[in-house]
Protein backbone atom coordinates (compact mmCIF):
# COMPACT_ATOMS: atom_id res chain seq x y z
CA MET A 1 9.67 199.28 56.09
CA ASN A 2 12.36 201.08 54.57
CA GLY A 3 12.33 204.21 56.98
CA THR A 4 14.73 206.81 56.99
CA LEU A 5 15.85 209.17 59.43
CA ILE A 6 17.55 212.60 58.85
CA THR A 7 18.85 215.19 60.89
CA GLY A 8 19.36 218.93 60.07
CA PHE A 9 16.14 219.16 58.59
CA PRO A 10 14.90 221.76 57.61
CA GLY A 11 17.80 223.34 56.66
CA PHE A 12 18.60 224.26 53.23
CA ILE A 13 20.52 221.09 52.06
CA ALA A 14 18.54 218.81 53.99
CA GLY A 15 15.28 220.04 52.35
CA ARG A 16 16.66 219.73 49.03
CA LEU A 17 17.99 216.44 49.65
CA VAL A 18 14.98 215.08 50.66
CA GLU A 19 12.95 216.26 47.48
CA ARG A 20 15.89 214.47 45.64
CA LEU A 21 15.40 211.38 47.35
CA LEU A 22 11.59 211.65 46.89
CA ALA A 23 12.23 211.11 43.14
CA ASP A 24 13.29 207.61 43.66
CA ALA A 25 11.89 206.31 47.02
CA ASP A 26 8.54 204.47 46.93
CA ASP A 27 8.04 203.95 50.71
CA GLY A 28 8.73 205.44 54.25
CA PRO A 29 8.43 206.60 56.72
CA TRP A 30 10.57 209.43 56.98
CA TYR A 31 11.72 210.62 60.42
CA PHE A 32 13.03 214.21 60.82
CA LEU A 33 14.87 214.88 64.04
CA VAL A 34 14.21 218.48 64.78
CA GLU A 35 15.20 221.11 67.03
CA PRO A 36 12.15 222.43 69.02
CA ARG A 37 12.56 226.08 67.56
CA PHE A 38 12.41 224.50 63.93
CA VAL A 39 9.46 222.53 64.49
CA PHE A 40 7.01 224.85 62.83
CA ALA A 41 9.51 225.38 60.01
CA ALA A 42 9.88 221.53 59.39
CA GLN A 43 6.43 220.97 59.50
CA ARG A 44 5.69 223.94 56.92
CA ARG A 45 8.44 222.03 54.45
CA CYS A 46 7.12 218.64 54.73
CA GLU A 47 3.63 219.92 53.78
CA ALA A 48 4.90 221.86 50.77
CA LEU A 49 6.84 218.56 50.02
CA ALA A 50 3.48 216.43 50.45
CA SER A 51 1.79 218.83 48.15
CA ARG A 52 4.12 218.03 45.37
CA TRP A 53 4.87 214.17 46.47
CA PRO A 54 1.51 212.75 47.45
CA LYS A 55 3.12 209.39 48.47
CA PHE A 56 4.97 211.49 51.08
CA ALA A 57 1.72 212.49 52.61
CA GLU A 58 1.04 210.67 55.99
CA ARG A 59 4.50 209.55 55.64
CA TRP A 60 6.69 212.01 57.42
CA PHE A 61 7.16 212.39 61.13
CA ILE A 62 8.35 215.49 63.02
CA VAL A 63 10.68 214.21 65.91
CA PRO A 64 11.60 217.00 68.17
CA GLY A 65 15.26 216.49 69.52
CA ASP A 66 18.66 217.60 69.94
CA ILE A 67 21.62 215.89 68.70
CA ARG A 68 23.60 217.33 71.77
CA GLN A 69 21.71 215.14 74.37
CA PRO A 70 21.99 211.37 74.68
CA ASP A 71 19.76 209.45 72.82
CA LEU A 72 19.22 212.56 70.76
CA GLY A 73 16.70 213.79 73.60
CA LEU A 74 14.08 211.23 72.22
CA THR A 75 11.65 209.27 74.33
CA ALA A 76 11.80 205.50 74.58
CA SER A 77 8.88 204.98 72.46
CA VAL A 78 10.29 207.13 69.67
CA ARG A 79 13.54 205.39 69.78
CA ASP A 80 11.54 201.88 69.80
CA ARG A 81 9.68 203.19 66.74
CA ILE A 82 12.76 204.37 65.05
CA ALA A 83 14.36 200.92 65.68
CA ALA A 84 11.43 199.10 64.26
CA GLU A 85 11.42 200.90 61.18
CA VAL A 86 14.60 202.88 60.32
CA ARG A 87 17.03 201.48 57.52
CA GLN A 88 18.90 204.55 56.46
CA VAL A 89 19.97 207.64 58.64
CA TRP A 90 21.59 210.72 57.02
CA HIS A 91 23.40 212.75 59.59
CA LEU A 92 23.47 216.33 58.33
CA ALA A 93 23.02 218.49 61.38
CA ALA A 94 26.22 220.35 61.96
CA VAL A 95 27.61 223.87 62.82
CA TYR A 96 29.00 225.32 59.57
CA ASP A 97 30.22 228.76 60.82
CA LEU A 98 33.70 229.52 60.20
CA ALA A 99 34.02 231.60 63.39
CA ILE A 100 32.05 229.49 65.79
CA ASP A 101 33.50 229.13 69.53
CA SER A 102 35.07 225.76 70.52
CA ALA A 103 32.31 224.79 72.80
CA THR A 104 29.59 225.17 70.52
CA ALA A 105 31.46 223.52 67.86
CA ARG A 106 32.26 220.50 69.88
CA ALA A 107 28.89 219.87 71.28
CA VAL A 108 27.35 219.95 68.06
CA ASN A 109 29.99 218.56 65.52
CA ILE A 110 31.67 216.08 67.82
CA ASP A 111 29.24 215.14 70.70
CA GLY A 112 26.22 215.26 68.32
CA THR A 113 28.05 212.72 66.10
CA LEU A 114 28.75 210.47 68.91
CA HIS A 115 25.11 210.47 69.79
CA VAL A 116 24.21 209.86 66.10
CA LEU A 117 26.41 206.85 66.12
CA ASP A 118 25.24 205.38 69.42
CA LEU A 119 21.55 205.81 68.02
CA CYS A 120 22.85 203.86 64.86
CA GLN A 121 24.31 200.99 66.76
CA ARG A 122 21.15 200.41 68.21
CA LEU A 123 19.09 200.11 65.15
CA PRO A 124 18.62 196.39 64.19
CA ARG A 125 17.46 197.11 60.35
CA LEU A 126 20.19 199.62 59.79
CA HIS A 127 21.25 199.52 55.94
CA ARG A 128 23.70 202.55 56.17
CA LEU A 129 24.52 205.79 57.44
CA LEU A 130 25.32 208.86 55.30
CA TYR A 131 27.45 210.75 57.42
CA ILE A 132 28.12 214.44 55.79
CA SER A 133 31.69 215.53 56.68
CA THR A 134 33.61 218.38 54.65
CA CYS A 135 36.50 218.53 52.16
CA PHE A 136 37.96 220.98 54.62
CA VAL A 137 38.67 218.31 57.33
CA ALA A 138 41.91 218.55 55.30
CA GLY A 139 42.70 221.60 57.65
CA ASP A 140 45.81 223.74 56.76
CA ARG A 141 47.31 220.90 54.05
CA SER A 142 48.08 221.84 50.81
CA GLY A 143 48.54 220.23 47.54
CA VAL A 144 46.48 217.02 46.50
CA VAL A 145 44.14 215.62 49.37
CA TYR A 146 42.74 212.26 48.52
CA GLU A 147 39.42 211.05 49.54
CA ASP A 148 40.57 208.05 51.54
CA GLU A 149 43.21 210.20 53.67
CA LEU A 150 42.14 211.76 56.98
CA ASP A 151 44.94 212.15 59.56
CA ARG A 152 47.97 213.53 58.15
CA GLY A 153 49.25 215.63 61.07
CA GLN A 154 47.34 218.57 59.70
CA GLY A 155 46.67 221.58 61.68
CA PHE A 156 43.46 223.53 61.67
CA ARG A 157 42.57 227.28 61.00
CA ASN A 158 39.07 227.32 62.97
CA HIS A 159 37.07 225.14 65.45
CA TYR A 160 34.88 224.19 62.37
CA GLU A 161 37.56 222.37 60.76
CA ALA A 162 38.77 221.08 63.85
CA THR A 163 35.66 219.33 65.11
CA LYS A 164 34.63 218.26 61.69
CA PHE A 165 37.83 216.30 61.71
CA ALA A 166 37.51 214.91 65.07
CA ALA A 167 33.70 213.74 64.33
CA GLU A 168 34.76 212.16 61.17
CA GLN A 169 37.50 210.13 62.88
CA GLN A 170 34.77 208.89 65.42
CA VAL A 171 32.53 207.78 62.36
CA ARG A 172 35.75 206.02 60.86
CA GLN A 173 36.30 204.14 64.09
CA ARG A 174 32.46 202.74 64.19
CA MET A 175 32.36 201.58 60.71
CA ALA A 176 32.84 198.06 61.80
CA ASP A 177 29.66 198.37 63.84
CA VAL A 178 28.01 201.06 61.83
CA PRO A 179 27.81 200.33 57.66
CA THR A 180 28.57 203.94 56.58
CA VAL A 181 29.11 206.43 53.79
CA ILE A 182 31.23 209.35 54.14
CA LEU A 183 30.43 212.52 51.89
CA ARG A 184 32.55 215.47 52.18
CA PRO A 185 31.17 218.48 50.23
CA ALA A 186 32.88 221.34 49.16
CA VAL A 187 31.78 224.86 49.53
CA VAL A 188 28.23 224.90 49.16
CA VAL A 189 26.52 227.71 47.03
CA GLY A 190 23.18 228.20 45.16
CA ASP A 191 21.43 226.25 42.58
CA SER A 192 23.01 226.24 39.48
CA ARG A 193 19.85 227.02 37.51
CA THR A 194 18.25 229.40 39.58
CA GLY A 195 21.07 230.88 41.92
CA GLU A 196 18.58 230.24 44.97
CA MET A 197 20.62 230.22 48.63
CA ALA A 198 19.23 230.23 52.09
CA LYS A 199 22.43 231.53 53.79
CA GLY A 200 24.90 233.84 53.13
CA ASP A 201 28.35 232.32 54.13
CA GLY A 202 31.60 231.58 51.86
CA PRO A 203 31.84 233.81 48.69
CA TYR A 204 28.31 235.27 49.74
CA PHE A 205 30.18 237.32 52.21
CA VAL A 206 32.37 238.91 49.34
CA MET A 207 28.72 239.29 47.15
CA ARG A 208 27.30 241.23 49.89
CA LEU A 209 30.33 243.76 50.56
CA LEU A 210 30.33 244.42 46.67
CA LEU A 211 26.68 244.96 46.67
CA ARG A 212 26.89 247.26 49.63
CA LEU A 213 29.88 249.50 48.21
CA PRO A 214 29.15 252.28 45.86
CA ARG A 215 30.41 251.51 42.08
CA TRP A 216 33.13 254.15 42.34
CA VAL A 217 35.01 252.46 45.03
CA PRO A 218 38.07 250.70 43.26
CA MET A 219 38.09 246.94 44.07
CA ILE A 220 41.21 245.49 45.40
CA ARG A 221 42.08 241.80 45.71
CA PRO A 222 43.06 240.47 49.37
CA GLY A 223 46.54 238.81 48.52
CA PRO A 224 47.31 237.25 45.20
CA CYS A 225 44.28 234.84 45.50
CA ALA A 226 45.77 232.24 43.58
CA ALA A 227 44.50 229.38 45.67
CA ALA A 228 41.69 227.02 44.11
CA VAL A 229 38.15 227.84 45.56
CA ASN A 230 35.97 224.80 45.45
CA LEU A 231 32.39 225.40 44.97
CA VAL A 232 29.62 222.97 44.88
CA PRO A 233 25.88 224.17 43.57
CA VAL A 234 23.56 222.63 45.96
CA ASP A 235 21.41 221.09 43.17
CA VAL A 236 24.60 219.04 42.00
CA LEU A 237 25.23 218.00 45.72
CA VAL A 238 22.14 216.79 46.60
CA ASP A 239 21.92 214.75 43.28
CA ALA A 240 25.43 213.32 43.97
CA MET A 241 24.29 212.49 47.41
CA ALA A 242 21.35 210.67 46.77
CA ARG A 243 23.05 208.63 43.74
CA LEU A 244 25.95 207.64 45.66
CA ALA A 245 23.62 206.63 48.76
CA ALA A 246 22.01 204.13 46.25
CA HIS A 247 25.08 202.48 44.92
CA PRO A 248 25.96 199.18 45.86
CA GLN A 249 29.75 199.84 46.11
CA ALA A 250 29.67 203.15 47.93
CA LEU A 251 29.57 201.70 51.72
CA GLY A 252 32.72 201.97 53.67
CA ARG A 253 34.09 204.62 51.17
CA THR A 254 34.71 208.34 51.38
CA PHE A 255 33.61 210.82 48.63
CA HIS A 256 34.33 214.46 47.88
CA LEU A 257 31.63 216.27 46.42
CA ALA A 258 33.92 218.82 44.83
CA ASP A 259 34.41 220.56 41.29
CA PRO A 260 36.92 218.62 39.26
CA THR A 261 38.15 221.57 37.72
CA PRO A 262 38.09 224.46 40.56
CA ARG A 263 38.73 228.05 39.67
CA SER A 264 41.13 230.24 41.56
CA ALA A 265 40.09 232.80 44.18
CA ALA A 266 41.24 235.38 41.84
CA TRP A 267 39.12 234.23 38.80
CA LEU A 268 36.11 234.09 41.15
CA LEU A 269 36.55 237.43 42.67
CA ASP A 270 36.84 238.97 39.39
CA GLY A 271 33.85 237.17 37.85
CA MET A 272 31.83 238.50 40.82
CA ILE A 273 33.07 242.17 39.93
CA GLU A 274 32.02 241.44 36.49
CA ALA A 275 28.98 239.96 36.96
CA MET A 276 27.91 242.92 39.19
CA GLY A 277 29.02 245.44 36.33
CA ARG A 278 31.91 246.94 38.62
CA ALA A 279 35.41 247.92 36.99
CA PRO A 280 38.04 245.16 37.56
CA ALA A 281 40.35 245.12 40.68
CA VAL A 282 43.17 248.05 40.52
CA ALA A 283 45.35 246.56 43.03
CA THR A 284 46.21 243.71 45.31
CA LEU A 285 47.19 243.81 48.98
CA PRO A 286 50.54 242.03 49.98
CA GLN A 287 49.56 238.58 51.29
CA ALA A 288 51.50 239.07 54.69
CA LEU A 289 49.01 242.04 55.68
CA VAL A 290 45.70 240.43 54.54
CA SER A 291 44.82 238.04 57.50
CA PRO A 292 45.99 240.77 60.24
CA LEU A 293 44.20 243.38 58.54
CA PHE A 294 40.73 241.22 58.26
CA ASP A 295 41.29 239.83 61.79
CA ARG A 296 40.81 243.34 63.22
CA PRO A 297 37.28 243.56 64.82
CA LYS A 298 36.79 247.35 63.06
CA VAL A 299 37.43 245.70 59.59
CA ARG A 300 35.50 242.89 60.11
CA ALA A 301 32.62 244.85 61.38
CA MET A 302 32.77 247.32 58.25
CA THR A 303 33.23 244.84 55.54
CA GLY A 304 31.24 242.01 56.76
CA VAL A 305 34.29 239.62 55.73
CA PRO A 306 35.64 237.39 58.43
CA GLY A 307 39.41 236.75 58.35
CA GLU A 308 38.87 233.09 58.45
CA LEU A 309 37.42 233.27 54.79
CA ILE A 310 40.22 235.31 53.29
CA ARG A 311 42.66 232.38 54.41
CA TYR A 312 40.93 230.13 52.24
CA PHE A 313 41.60 232.59 49.19
CA ASN A 314 45.38 232.45 49.60
CA HIS A 315 45.72 228.60 50.80
CA ASP A 316 45.96 226.07 47.66
CA VAL A 317 44.58 222.69 48.27
CA ARG A 318 43.15 220.69 45.82
CA PHE A 319 40.48 217.98 46.43
CA ASP A 320 41.19 214.74 44.48
CA VAL A 321 37.69 213.20 43.38
CA ARG A 322 38.53 209.63 41.90
CA ASN A 323 35.99 207.91 44.17
CA THR A 324 33.18 209.85 43.44
CA ALA A 325 34.19 210.07 39.74
CA GLU A 326 34.37 206.10 39.50
CA LEU A 327 30.77 205.46 41.10
CA LEU A 328 29.09 208.30 39.18
CA ALA A 329 30.72 207.75 35.80
CA ASP A 330 27.81 206.04 34.26
CA SER A 331 25.30 208.43 35.86
CA SER A 332 23.73 211.59 34.00
CA LEU A 333 25.33 213.89 36.67
CA ARG A 334 27.22 216.68 35.02
CA TRP A 335 29.47 219.29 37.02
CA PRO A 336 28.53 222.75 35.50
CA ASP A 337 30.80 225.25 34.62
CA LEU A 338 31.31 228.09 37.02
CA ALA A 339 31.53 230.51 34.34
CA ASP A 340 28.13 229.36 33.10
CA TYR A 341 26.26 229.80 36.90
CA LEU A 342 28.35 232.25 38.64
CA PRO A 343 26.07 235.11 37.05
CA ARG A 344 22.98 233.30 38.24
CA LEU A 345 24.23 233.16 41.88
CA VAL A 346 25.32 236.86 41.80
CA GLY A 347 22.06 237.76 40.34
CA TRP A 348 20.12 235.91 42.90
CA ALA A 349 22.10 237.47 45.51
CA ALA A 350 21.42 240.89 44.50
CA ASP A 351 17.82 240.38 44.44
CA HIS A 352 17.94 238.54 48.20
CA THR A 353 20.18 240.42 50.14
CA ASP A 354 17.73 240.31 53.17
CA GLN A 355 17.81 236.62 52.83
CA LEU A 356 21.17 235.77 53.13
CA GLY A 357 22.04 236.03 56.63
CA VAL A 358 25.34 238.19 56.14
CA ALA A 359 26.06 240.81 58.57
CA SER A 360 26.04 244.06 57.11
């Protein structure tokens, strides 16, 4: 059997990814490592997928577990079954919060990845591990960052970046024993066709603030916002992930899943303001004042915008995508223009503020 094990299900990206993989896969079984508190949601998601993909029915198995525990918290019998059937592992589970504390970030992002790697080394039929990293392992680097680079002496702006960097280091060190493809998404946003999103981080913090403010309140940019902000729509992301996972030349390589022509933060802010029918920004705060201002608890509570996010708007870094472009050159995947799909993102956010999970 060509079994698949997936962590991070039923998260938004993982759920979309499974649906995309089902478009190609003819067999199974499918094992979903799920935290006990999400088992019911995972079951509902699998039932919905089975209603659309009959071949998926009777081939999915919810496996309660925890990547923070050795052996992922699995029983010996479940581990034996996975070892006998699984050829492909997708590791998506991670903490993505920019303001996460160090202990939680380490337990999930570093220890969790080590436990997944330990399991993979004991899978005799493993064909490949698809490890989901992030472009932001680049930390505080500026300029162009290449896909084959990792440690360039960079510092980190938060525990999320630092722990994802350390986790990718561990993945690279095990590549001789665990056949791996490393995928580094940029900032994931909603579906480019519908705007649908499940959680409200990244630019959604700003959208939520703009939607809450009265229209007469003048807009002010938080610094010059000249940095490129690289967004990847979830539909494009999972399509690229699925294509790279199946590509025979992907093994052992790293891929930036990032917009090859990103827009600046100023363009993004102006675009969101325009899509909401608001007046243009009237002024720009001096950059030296921006981070200290948004780091104040009262300002953060009032705006709902973390200072960690604003730092990205004023720190310019570019993610080279030549590995991704090379392997997907002959595919039908095309990166949509942000100018075309940004209004859909904003429109969906305006209609679903309660679903975004952004602090008010």
